[in-house]
C-alpha cells in the first residue's frame, strides 16, 4: 500500500523567502502538498547564503521567478492562485498590501498563512531570529545561536496554521458559509520565541537550572579525543552511572577524560545509558550510532 499523503490534493503558493517560510513550505511538501515557490528576480537570500540547505528545503517544489510589481507577473500569479488552496507569505503588512495580497486572498478564497515578526502595534517593526531571541532571554551575550529557534518553531507553527485553515475552510464549506474574504492565519515569530523561551524563563534550562548544568548527570564532558553528552536524568540512569563511574562532577570529568569517545559509546550501549558523541556545529554526523 502506498504511503498516505494527507495533503496530496492541496496546492500551496509560497511567496516567503529567508527561513521560516521555506521551512514551512518544505514540511507541507513532505505532507504531500504541491508547492509552487515564487521568488523575486533577486532570488531567495537563503539560496545565496547556504545553497545546499536551500536545495534541501526546496527539493521537489516548482520554483518560478516573478516580479510581482509587474502587471504581467501579477496576472500569472492570479492564474496560479485560482487553482491554489494556501498562500504562504513572510512580509510586513504594508508590503503585503502594496502587492495586493489581501485582494488575492479574497478573490480566490485562499487560506493565507501570514508569517510576521511582531503583532499589534509592532507589526511593521523589522526583526530576525536573533532579535526575537534577544528579547526573550535565549541568547548568551557575545555569541550567536547555533539554532534559529524562532524561525524553526515559527515554520512549524505556520504548518499548523495551514492545516487549521484548511480544516476551517472545510467546516465552512460544509455549512455553506464560506468566508468571502478567505481565511487568514497569522504566525508571529516573536510569539514563537517567547514560547520556546519557556524552559529558560522558568529556570529549567537556564545556567544552573535542572537542565542547565546543576546536575553532574546531565551535561557534556571532555573525553580523550572529543566531547560526550551525558543525559542520565532519570534516577535509575543516574544511579547506574554513579555506581559504575562516580557521582560528582570532578570524578566524572576525570573518568571521561581517560578514554576516547568511542569507548564511552560502547560503555553506554553495554550499560543502557543515554550518552551521545557531541558533533561540532556545521558538520554532519558520521558512522553508525551505538
C-alpha atoms as a PDB file:
ATOM      1  CA  UNK A   1       0.000   0.000   0.000  1.00  0.00           C
ATOM      2  CA  UNK A   2       1.307   3.457  -0.891  1.00  0.00           C
ATOM      3  CA  UNK A   3       2.141   5.764   1.993  1.00  0.00           C
ATOM      4  CA  UNK A   4      -0.756   8.077   2.815  1.00  0.00           C
ATOM      5  CA  UNK A   5      -0.098  11.725   1.959  1.00  0.00           C
ATOM      6  CA  UNK A   6      -2.696  13.868   3.729  1.00  0.00           C
ATOM      7  CA  UNK A   7      -2.143  16.923   1.509  1.00  0.00           C
ATOM      8  CA  UNK A   8      -1.831  15.232  -1.858  1.00  0.00           C
ATOM      9  CA  UNK A   9      -4.724  17.275  -3.274  1.00  0.00           C
ATOM     10  CA  UNK A  10      -3.563  20.610  -1.817  1.00  0.00           C
ATOM     11  CA  UNK A  11      -1.647  23.303  -3.697  1.00  0.00           C
ATOM     12  CA  UNK A  12       0.498  25.820  -1.825  1.00  0.00           C
ATOM     13  CA  UNK A  13       1.836  29.065  -3.280  1.00  0.00           C
ATOM     14  CA  UNK A  14       4.751  30.379  -1.258  1.00  0.00           C
ATOM     15  CA  UNK A  15       5.995  33.939  -1.591  1.00  0.00           C
ATOM     16  CA  UNK A  16       8.083  33.512   1.560  1.00  0.00           C
ATOM     17  CA  UNK A  17      11.866  33.815   1.406  1.00  0.00           C
ATOM     18  CA  UNK A  18      14.637  33.514   4.031  1.00  0.00           C
ATOM     19  CA  UNK A  19      13.948  30.761   6.576  1.00  0.00           C
ATOM     20  CA  UNK A  20      10.583  30.338   8.353  1.00  0.00           C
ATOM     21  CA  UNK A  21       8.542  30.299   5.130  1.00  0.00           C
ATOM     22  CA  UNK A  22      10.767  27.839   3.245  1.00  0.00           C
ATOM     23  CA  UNK A  23      10.805  25.593   6.326  1.00  0.00           C
ATOM     24  CA  UNK A  24       7.005  25.611   6.393  1.00  0.00           C
ATOM     25  CA  UNK A  25       6.777  25.014   2.638  1.00  0.00           C
ATOM     26  CA  UNK A  26       9.174  22.069   2.907  1.00  0.00           C
ATOM     27  CA  UNK A  27       7.078  20.475   5.670  1.00  0.00           C
ATOM     28  CA  UNK A  28       3.870  20.974   3.679  1.00  0.00           C
ATOM     29  CA  UNK A  29       5.562  19.327   0.704  1.00  0.00           C
ATOM     30  CA  UNK A  30       6.559  16.400   2.946  1.00  0.00           C
ATOM     31  CA  UNK A  31       2.873  16.017   3.774  1.00  0.00           C
ATOM     32  CA  UNK A  32       2.097  15.687   0.084  1.00  0.00           C
ATOM     33  CA  UNK A  33       1.207  19.221  -0.971  1.00  0.00           C
ATOM     34  CA  UNK A  34       2.172  20.615  -4.341  1.00  0.00           C
ATOM     35  CA  UNK A  35       4.312  23.658  -3.568  1.00  0.00           C
ATOM     36  CA  UNK A  36       4.862  26.480  -6.050  1.00  0.00           C
ATOM     37  CA  UNK A  37       7.614  28.758  -4.768  1.00  0.00           C
ATOM     38  CA  UNK A  38       7.541  32.228  -6.291  1.00  0.00           C
ATOM     39  CA  UNK A  39      10.753  34.192  -5.913  1.00  0.00           C
ATOM     40  CA  UNK A  40      11.640  37.784  -6.805  1.00  0.00           C
ATOM     41  CA  UNK A  41      14.174  38.415  -9.596  1.00  0.00           C
ATOM     42  CA  UNK A  42      16.901  38.696  -6.940  1.00  0.00           C
ATOM     43  CA  UNK A  43      16.111  35.183  -5.726  1.00  0.00           C
ATOM     44  CA  UNK A  44      15.834  33.874  -2.193  1.00  0.00           C
ATOM     45  CA  UNK A  45      18.647  35.155   0.080  1.00  0.00           C
ATOM     46  CA  UNK A  46      18.810  31.660   1.564  1.00  0.00           C
ATOM     47  CA  UNK A  47      20.000  30.324  -1.802  1.00  0.00           C
ATOM     48  CA  UNK A  48      22.892  32.786  -1.827  1.00  0.00           C
ATOM     49  CA  UNK A  49      23.845  32.223   1.822  1.00  0.00           C
ATOM     50  CA  UNK A  50      23.622  28.418   2.030  1.00  0.00           C
ATOM     51  CA  UNK A  51      22.914  26.846  -1.381  1.00  0.00           C
ATOM     52  CA  UNK A  52      22.924  23.256  -0.102  1.00  0.00           C
ATOM     53  CA  UNK A  53      20.358  23.992   2.590  1.00  0.00           C
ATOM     54  CA  UNK A  54      18.236  25.915   0.086  1.00  0.00           C
ATOM     55  CA  UNK A  55      18.230  22.907  -2.251  1.00  0.00           C
ATOM     56  CA  UNK A  56      17.352  20.634   0.667  1.00  0.00           C
ATOM     57  CA  UNK A  57      14.340  22.742   1.591  1.00  0.00           C
ATOM     58  CA  UNK A  58      13.069  23.304  -1.953  1.00  0.00           C
ATOM     59  CA  UNK A  59      13.540  19.806  -3.343  1.00  0.00           C
ATOM     60  CA  UNK A  60      10.517  18.741  -5.411  1.00  0.00           C
ATOM     61  CA  UNK A  61       8.991  22.221  -5.469  1.00  0.00           C
ATOM     62  CA  UNK A  62       8.186  24.267  -8.561  1.00  0.00           C
ATOM     63  CA  UNK A  63      10.258  27.452  -8.467  1.00  0.00           C
ATOM     64  CA  UNK A  64       9.089  30.405 -10.524  1.00  0.00           C
ATOM     65  CA  UNK A  65      10.696  33.838 -10.751  1.00  0.00           C
ATOM     66  CA  UNK A  66       8.196  36.696 -10.876  1.00  0.00           C
ATOM     67  CA  UNK A  67       8.446  40.423 -10.258  1.00  0.00           C
ATOM     68  CA  UNK A  68       5.069  40.925  -8.600  1.00  0.00           C
ATOM     69  CA  UNK A  69       5.248  44.670  -9.181  1.00  0.00           C
ATOM     70  CA  UNK A  70       4.915  43.934 -12.895  1.00  0.00           C
ATOM     71  CA  UNK A  71       1.423  43.628 -14.374  1.00  0.00           C
ATOM     72  CA  UNK A  72       2.106  40.502 -16.421  1.00  0.00           C
ATOM     73  CA  UNK A  73       3.716  38.785 -13.466  1.00  0.00           C
ATOM     74  CA  UNK A  74       0.744  39.677 -11.296  1.00  0.00           C
ATOM     75  CA  UNK A  75      -1.572  38.169 -13.912  1.00  0.00           C
ATOM     76  CA  UNK A  76       0.461  34.961 -13.789  1.00  0.00           C
ATOM     77  CA  UNK A  77       0.082  34.883 -10.018  1.00  0.00           C
ATOM     78  CA  UNK A  78      -3.697  35.291 -10.390  1.00  0.00           C
ATOM     79  CA  UNK A  79      -3.816  32.260 -12.687  1.00  0.00           C
ATOM     80  CA  UNK A  80      -1.816  30.175 -10.225  1.00  0.00           C
ATOM     81  CA  UNK A  81      -3.912  31.354  -7.270  1.00  0.00           C
ATOM     82  CA  UNK A  82      -7.115  30.279  -8.983  1.00  0.00           C
ATOM     83  CA  UNK A  83      -6.104  26.638  -8.514  1.00  0.00           C
ATOM     84  CA  UNK A  84      -4.386  27.016  -5.145  1.00  0.00           C
ATOM     85  CA  UNK A  85      -5.514  26.384  -1.590  1.00  0.00           C
ATOM     86  CA  UNK A  86      -2.864  28.005   0.616  1.00  0.00           C
ATOM     87  CA  UNK A  87      -0.867  31.197   0.238  1.00  0.00           C
ATOM     88  CA  UNK A  88       2.243  31.450   2.395  1.00  0.00           C
ATOM     89  CA  UNK A  89       3.839  34.870   2.928  1.00  0.00           C
ATOM     90  CA  UNK A  90       6.549  36.309   5.166  1.00  0.00           C
ATOM     91  CA  UNK A  91       6.417  40.077   4.819  1.00  0.00           C
ATOM     92  CA  UNK A  92       5.206  43.049   6.795  1.00  0.00           C
ATOM     93  CA  UNK A  93       1.550  44.107   6.334  1.00  0.00           C
ATOM     94  CA  UNK A  94       2.384  47.256   4.350  1.00  0.00           C
ATOM     95  CA  UNK A  95       4.440  45.259   1.889  1.00  0.00           C
ATOM     96  CA  UNK A  96       1.645  42.704   1.530  1.00  0.00           C
ATOM     97  CA  UNK A  97      -0.898  45.455   0.929  1.00  0.00           C
ATOM     98  CA  UNK A  98       1.352  47.032  -1.677  1.00  0.00           C
ATOM     99  CA  UNK A  99       1.414  43.747  -3.605  1.00  0.00           C
ATOM    100  CA  UNK A 100      -2.368  43.327  -3.361  1.00  0.00           C
ATOM    101  CA  UNK A 101      -2.132  40.209  -1.215  1.00  0.00           C
ATOM    102  CA  UNK A 102      -5.406  40.781   0.704  1.00  0.00           C
ATOM    103  CA  UNK A 103      -7.278  41.122  -2.608  1.00  0.00           C
ATOM    104  CA  UNK A 104      -5.626  37.987  -4.000  1.00  0.00           C
ATOM    105  CA  UNK A 105      -6.677  36.008  -0.930  1.00  0.00           C
ATOM    106  CA  UNK A 106     -10.243  37.316  -1.092  1.00  0.00           C
ATOM    107  CA  UNK A 107     -10.643  36.797  -4.841  1.00  0.00           C
ATOM    108  CA  UNK A 108      -9.606  33.167  -4.669  1.00  0.00           C
ATOM    109  CA  UNK A 109     -10.788  32.166  -1.176  1.00  0.00           C
ATOM    110  CA  UNK A 110      -7.308  31.165  -0.090  1.00  0.00           C
ATOM    111  CA  UNK A 111      -6.037  30.126   3.305  1.00  0.00           C
ATOM    112  CA  UNK A 112      -3.455  32.850   3.898  1.00  0.00           C
ATOM    113  CA  UNK A 113      -0.717  31.894   6.339  1.00  0.00           C
ATOM    114  CA  UNK A 114       0.940  35.187   7.157  1.00  0.00           C
ATOM    115  CA  UNK A 115       4.305  34.982   8.937  1.00  0.00           C
ATOM    116  CA  UNK A 116       5.090  38.202  10.790  1.00  0.00           C
ATOM    117  CA  UNK A 117       7.853  39.286  13.127  1.00  0.00           C
ATOM    118  CA  UNK A 118       5.609  41.062  15.604  1.00  0.00           C
ATOM    119  CA  UNK A 119       1.910  41.536  16.247  1.00  0.00           C
ATOM    120  CA  UNK A 120      -0.278  44.504  17.092  1.00  0.00           C
ATOM    121  CA  UNK A 121       1.312  47.942  17.132  1.00  0.00           C
ATOM    122  CA  UNK A 122       4.702  46.441  16.256  1.00  0.00           C
ATOM    123  CA  UNK A 123       3.544  44.588  13.135  1.00  0.00           C
ATOM    124  CA  UNK A 124       5.617  46.879  10.899  1.00  0.00           C
ATOM    125  CA  UNK A 125       8.775  46.647  13.038  1.00  0.00           C
ATOM    126  CA  UNK A 126      11.594  44.708  11.315  1.00  0.00           C
ATOM    127  CA  UNK A 127      13.260  41.802  13.044  1.00  0.00           C
ATOM    128  CA  UNK A 128      15.024  38.468  12.656  1.00  0.00           C
ATOM    129  CA  UNK A 129      15.551  35.348  14.732  1.00  0.00           C
ATOM    130  CA  UNK A 130      18.475  36.973  16.559  1.00  0.00           C
ATOM    131  CA  UNK A 131      16.372  39.909  17.750  1.00  0.00           C
ATOM    132  CA  UNK A 132      13.414  37.736  18.758  1.00  0.00           C
ATOM    133  CA  UNK A 133      15.682  35.504  20.820  1.00  0.00           C
ATOM    134  CA  UNK A 134      17.380  38.540  22.346  1.00  0.00           C
ATOM    135  CA  UNK A 135      14.033  39.788  23.586  1.00  0.00           C
ATOM    136  CA  UNK A 136      13.170  36.534  25.337  1.00  0.00           C
ATOM    137  CA  UNK A 137      16.341  35.506  27.117  1.00  0.00           C
ATOM    138  CA  UNK A 138      17.573  32.623  24.978  1.00  0.00           C
ATOM    139  CA  UNK A 139      20.822  34.285  23.883  1.00  0.00           C
ATOM    140  CA  UNK A 140      24.157  34.044  25.637  1.00  0.00           C
ATOM    141  CA  UNK A 141      25.630  37.561  25.298  1.00  0.00           C
ATOM    142  CA  UNK A 142      28.602  37.670  22.982  1.00  0.00           C
ATOM    143  CA  UNK A 143      27.501  34.628  20.985  1.00  0.00           C
ATOM    144  CA  UNK A 144      25.114  33.836  18.162  1.00  0.00           C
ATOM    145  CA  UNK A 145      22.648  30.947  18.493  1.00  0.00           C
ATOM    146  CA  UNK A 146      23.543  27.774  16.606  1.00  0.00           C
ATOM    147  CA  UNK A 147      19.834  27.024  16.130  1.00  0.00           C
ATOM    148  CA  UNK A 148      17.421  29.764  14.969  1.00  0.00           C
ATOM    149  CA  UNK A 149      14.709  28.804  17.430  1.00  0.00           C
ATOM    150  CA  UNK A 150      12.116  31.409  16.477  1.00  0.00           C
ATOM    151  CA  UNK A 151      12.462  30.707  12.757  1.00  0.00           C
ATOM    152  CA  UNK A 152      12.225  26.934  13.130  1.00  0.00           C
ATOM    153  CA  UNK A 153       9.342  26.973  15.587  1.00  0.00           C
ATOM    154  CA  UNK A 154       7.679  29.682  13.505  1.00  0.00           C
ATOM    155  CA  UNK A 155       7.953  27.458  10.441  1.00  0.00           C
ATOM    156  CA  UNK A 156       6.309  24.585  12.288  1.00  0.00           C
ATOM    157  CA  UNK A 157       3.606  26.905  13.606  1.00  0.00           C
ATOM    158  CA  UNK A 158       2.967  28.022  10.037  1.00  0.00           C
ATOM    159  CA  UNK A 159       2.336  24.396   9.069  1.00  0.00           C
ATOM    160  CA  UNK A 160      -0.099  24.019  11.957  1.00  0.00           C
ATOM    161  CA  UNK A 161      -1.805  27.251  10.920  1.00  0.00           C
ATOM    162  CA  UNK A 162      -2.123  25.989   7.340  1.00  0.00           C
ATOM    163  CA  UNK A 163      -3.713  22.743   8.488  1.00  0.00           C
ATOM    164  CA  UNK A 164      -6.054  24.615  10.821  1.00  0.00           C
ATOM    165  CA  UNK A 165      -7.002  26.964   7.978  1.00  0.00           C
ATOM    166  CA  UNK A 166      -7.798  24.061   5.670  1.00  0.00           C
ATOM    167  CA  UNK A 167      -9.947  22.475   8.361  1.00  0.00           C
ATOM    168  CA  UNK A 168     -11.753  25.780   8.943  1.00  0.00           C
ATOM    169  CA  UNK A 169     -12.402  26.182   5.230  1.00  0.00           C
ATOM    170  CA  UNK A 170     -13.712  22.626   5.041  1.00  0.00           C
ATOM    171  CA  UNK A 171     -16.017  23.219   8.005  1.00  0.00           C
ATOM    172  CA  UNK A 172     -17.353  26.449   6.498  1.00  0.00           C
ATOM    173  CA  UNK A 173     -17.959  24.726   3.176  1.00  0.00           C
ATOM    174  CA  UNK A 174     -20.000  22.039   4.942  1.00  0.00           C
ATOM    175  CA  UNK A 175     -22.273  24.723   6.382  1.00  0.00           C
ATOM    176  CA  UNK A 176     -22.322  26.690   3.100  1.00  0.00           C
ATOM    177  CA  UNK A 177     -20.961  29.750   4.900  1.00  0.00           C
ATOM    178  CA  UNK A 178     -17.563  30.129   3.286  1.00  0.00           C
ATOM    179  CA  UNK A 179     -15.754  33.340   4.148  1.00  0.00           C
ATOM    180  CA  UNK A 180     -15.793  35.547   1.022  1.00  0.00           C
ATOM    181  CA  UNK A 181     -12.510  37.131   2.129  1.00  0.00           C
ATOM    182  CA  UNK A 182     -10.639  33.872   2.515  1.00  0.00           C
ATOM    183  CA  UNK A 183      -9.090  32.687   5.764  1.00  0.00           C
ATOM    184  CA  UNK A 184      -6.152  34.439   7.386  1.00  0.00           C
ATOM    185  CA  UNK A 185      -3.882  32.768   9.923  1.00  0.00           C
ATOM    186  CA  UNK A 186      -1.108  34.860  11.456  1.00  0.00           C
ATOM    187  CA  UNK A 187       2.085  33.324  12.776  1.00  0.00           C
ATOM    188  CA  UNK A 188       4.144  35.737  14.890  1.00  0.00           C
ATOM    189  CA  UNK A 189       7.824  34.899  15.248  1.00  0.00           C
ATOM    190  CA  UNK A 190       8.175  36.962  18.422  1.00  0.00           C
ATOM    191  CA  UNK A 191       5.460  34.797  19.971  1.00  0.00           C
ATOM    192  CA  UNK A 192       7.311  31.685  18.804  1.00  0.00           C
ATOM    193  CA  UNK A 193      10.480  32.915  20.506  1.00  0.00           C
ATOM    194  CA  UNK A 194       8.552  33.609  23.719  1.00  0.00           C
ATOM    195  CA  UNK A 195       7.059  30.107  23.655  1.00  0.00           C
ATOM    196  CA  UNK A 196      10.450  28.495  23.029  1.00  0.00           C
ATOM    197  CA  UNK A 197      11.951  30.502  25.898  1.00  0.00           C
ATOM    198  CA  UNK A 198       9.588  28.973  28.469  1.00  0.00           C
ATOM    199  CA  UNK A 199      12.094  26.412  29.853  1.00  0.00           C
ATOM    200  CA  UNK A 200      14.733  29.112  30.353  1.00  0.00           C
ATOM    201  CA  UNK A 201      12.249  31.656  31.692  1.00  0.00           C
ATOM    202  CA  UNK A 202      11.142  29.210  34.384  1.00  0.00           C
ATOM    203  CA  UNK A 203      14.698  28.219  35.270  1.00  0.00           C
ATOM    204  CA  UNK A 204      14.574  24.704  33.837  1.00  0.00           C
ATOM    205  CA  UNK A 205      17.327  25.182  31.250  1.00  0.00           C
ATOM    206  CA  UNK A 206      18.899  28.457  32.357  1.00  0.00           C
ATOM    207  CA  UNK A 207      22.511  28.297  33.681  1.00  0.00           C
ATOM    208  CA  UNK A 208      22.472  26.384  36.952  1.00  0.00           C
ATOM    209  CA  UNK A 209      18.971  25.033  36.348  1.00  0.00           C
ATOM    210  CA  UNK A 210      17.822  21.426  36.396  1.00  0.00           C
ATOM    211  CA  UNK A 211      18.785  21.052  32.731  1.00  0.00           C
ATOM    212  CA  UNK A 212      21.296  23.893  32.793  1.00  0.00           C
ATOM    213  CA  UNK A 213      24.318  22.273  34.396  1.00  0.00           C
ATOM    214  CA  UNK A 214      23.261  21.823  38.019  1.00  0.00           C
ATOM    215  CA  UNK A 215      23.352  18.047  37.822  1.00  0.00           C
ATOM    216  CA  UNK A 216      26.601  16.190  37.073  1.00  0.00           C
ATOM    217  CA  UNK A 217      24.465  13.532  35.393  1.00  0.00           C
ATOM    218  CA  UNK A 218      23.102  15.894  32.714  1.00  0.00           C
ATOM    219  CA  UNK A 219      25.862  17.809  30.943  1.00  0.00           C
ATOM    220  CA  UNK A 220      28.716  17.433  28.480  1.00  0.00           C
ATOM    221  CA  UNK A 221      32.179  16.124  29.331  1.00  0.00           C
ATOM    222  CA  UNK A 222      35.501  16.235  27.523  1.00  0.00           C
ATOM    223  CA  UNK A 223      36.825  12.839  26.503  1.00  0.00           C
ATOM    224  CA  UNK A 224      40.335  11.880  25.377  1.00  0.00           C
ATOM    225  CA  UNK A 225      39.502  12.881  21.808  1.00  0.00           C
ATOM    226  CA  UNK A 226      36.293  14.932  21.839  1.00  0.00           C
ATOM    227  CA  UNK A 227      33.192  15.569  23.893  1.00  0.00           C
ATOM    228  CA  UNK A 228      30.341  13.472  25.179  1.00  0.00           C
ATOM    229  CA  UNK A 229      26.754  14.381  26.077  1.00  0.00           C
ATOM    230  CA  UNK A 230      25.628  12.566  29.215  1.00  0.00           C
ATOM    231  CA  UNK A 231      21.881  12.645  29.827  1.00  0.00           C
ATOM    232  CA  UNK A 232      21.320  10.407  32.838  1.00  0.00           C
ATOM    233  CA  UNK A 233      18.387  12.452  34.028  1.00  0.00           C
ATOM    234  CA  UNK A 234      16.111   9.736  35.434  1.00  0.00           C
ATOM    235  CA  UNK A 235      17.084   8.303  38.846  1.00  0.00           C
ATOM    236  CA  UNK A 236      17.805   4.792  37.534  1.00  0.00           C
ATOM    237  CA  UNK A 237      20.200   6.168  34.900  1.00  0.00           C
ATOM    238  CA  UNK A 238      21.886   8.451  37.449  1.00  0.00           C
ATOM    239  CA  UNK A 239      22.243   5.583  39.916  1.00  0.00           C
ATOM    240  CA  UNK A 240      23.769   3.321  37.265  1.00  0.00           C
ATOM    241  CA  UNK A 241      26.290   5.972  36.237  1.00  0.00           C
ATOM    242  CA  UNK A 242      27.160   6.798  39.839  1.00  0.00           C
ATOM    243  CA  UNK A 243      27.721   3.113  40.643  1.00  0.00           C
ATOM    244  CA  UNK A 244      29.950   2.488  37.639  1.00  0.00           C
ATOM    245  CA  UNK A 245      31.909   5.764  37.357  1.00  0.00           C
ATOM    246  CA  UNK A 246      31.132   8.289  40.074  1.00  0.00           C
ATOM    247  CA  UNK A 247      28.546  10.677  41.400  1.00  0.00           C
ATOM    248  CA  UNK A 248      30.228  14.081  41.339  1.00  0.00           C
ATOM    249  CA  UNK A 249      31.353  16.363  38.532  1.00  0.00           C
ATOM    250  CA  UNK A 250      35.082  16.244  39.304  1.00  0.00           C
ATOM    251  CA  UNK A 251      35.171  12.454  39.387  1.00  0.00           C
ATOM    252  CA  UNK A 252      33.190  12.124  36.180  1.00  0.00           C
ATOM    253  CA  UNK A 253      35.351  14.723  34.417  1.00  0.00           C
ATOM    254  CA  UNK A 254      38.470  12.754  35.293  1.00  0.00           C
ATOM    255  CA  UNK A 255      36.952   9.414  34.278  1.00  0.00           C
ATOM    256  CA  UNK A 256      35.611  10.563  30.918  1.00  0.00           C
ATOM    257  CA  UNK A 257      38.890  12.293  30.046  1.00  0.00           C
ATOM    258  CA  UNK A 258      40.786   8.972  30.299  1.00  0.00           C
ATOM    259  CA  UNK A 259      39.199   7.286  27.264  1.00  0.00           C
ATOM    260  CA  UNK A 260      38.142   8.270  23.713  1.00  0.00           C
ATOM    261  CA  UNK A 261      34.528   8.963  22.848  1.00  0.00           C
ATOM    262  CA  UNK A 262      34.093   5.668  21.003  1.00  0.00           C
ATOM    263  CA  UNK A 263      34.951   3.773  24.179  1.00  0.00           C
ATOM    264  CA  UNK A 264      32.306   5.679  26.108  1.00  0.00           C
ATOM    265  CA  UNK A 265      29.692   4.988  23.449  1.00  0.00           C
ATOM    266  CA  UNK A 266      30.402   1.266  23.809  1.00  0.00           C
ATOM    267  CA  UNK A 267      30.163   1.705  27.589  1.00  0.00           C
ATOM    268  CA  UNK A 268      26.761   3.353  27.137  1.00  0.00           C
ATOM    269  CA  UNK A 269      25.499   0.507  24.951  1.00  0.00           C
ATOM    270  CA  UNK A 270      26.761  -2.112  27.414  1.00  0.00           C
ATOM    271  CA  UNK A 271      25.082  -0.392  30.364  1.00  0.00           C
ATOM    272  CA  UNK A 272      21.953   1.016  28.676  1.00  0.00           C
ATOM    273  CA  UNK A 273      22.887   4.648  29.361  1.00  0.00           C
ATOM    274  CA  UNK A 274      21.877   7.749  27.343  1.00  0.00           C
ATOM    275  CA  UNK A 275      25.203   9.069  26.003  1.00  0.00           C
ATOM    276  CA  UNK A 276      25.877  10.678  22.644  1.00  0.00           C
ATOM    277  CA  UNK A 277      29.018  11.932  20.959  1.00  0.00           C
ATOM    278  CA  UNK A 278      28.962  15.698  20.509  1.00  0.00           C
ATOM    279  CA  UNK A 279      29.033  16.642  16.831  1.00  0.00           C
ATOM    280  CA  UNK A 280      30.530  20.050  16.134  1.00  0.00           C
ATOM    281  CA  UNK A 281      28.144  22.653  14.733  1.00  0.00           C
ATOM    282  CA  UNK A 282      28.342  22.848  10.966  1.00  0.00           C
ATOM    283  CA  UNK A 283      29.364  19.217  10.487  1.00  0.00           C
ATOM    284  CA  UNK A 284      27.380  16.123   9.638  1.00  0.00           C
ATOM    285  CA  UNK A 285      27.284  13.057  11.940  1.00  0.00           C
ATOM    286  CA  UNK A 286      29.344  10.175  10.568  1.00  0.00           C
ATOM    287  CA  UNK A 287      29.349   6.472  11.263  1.00  0.00           C
ATOM    288  CA  UNK A 288      26.769   4.287  12.973  1.00  0.00           C
ATOM    289  CA  UNK A 289      25.389   5.155  16.368  1.00  0.00           C
ATOM    290  CA  UNK A 290      25.927   2.631  19.122  1.00  0.00           C
END
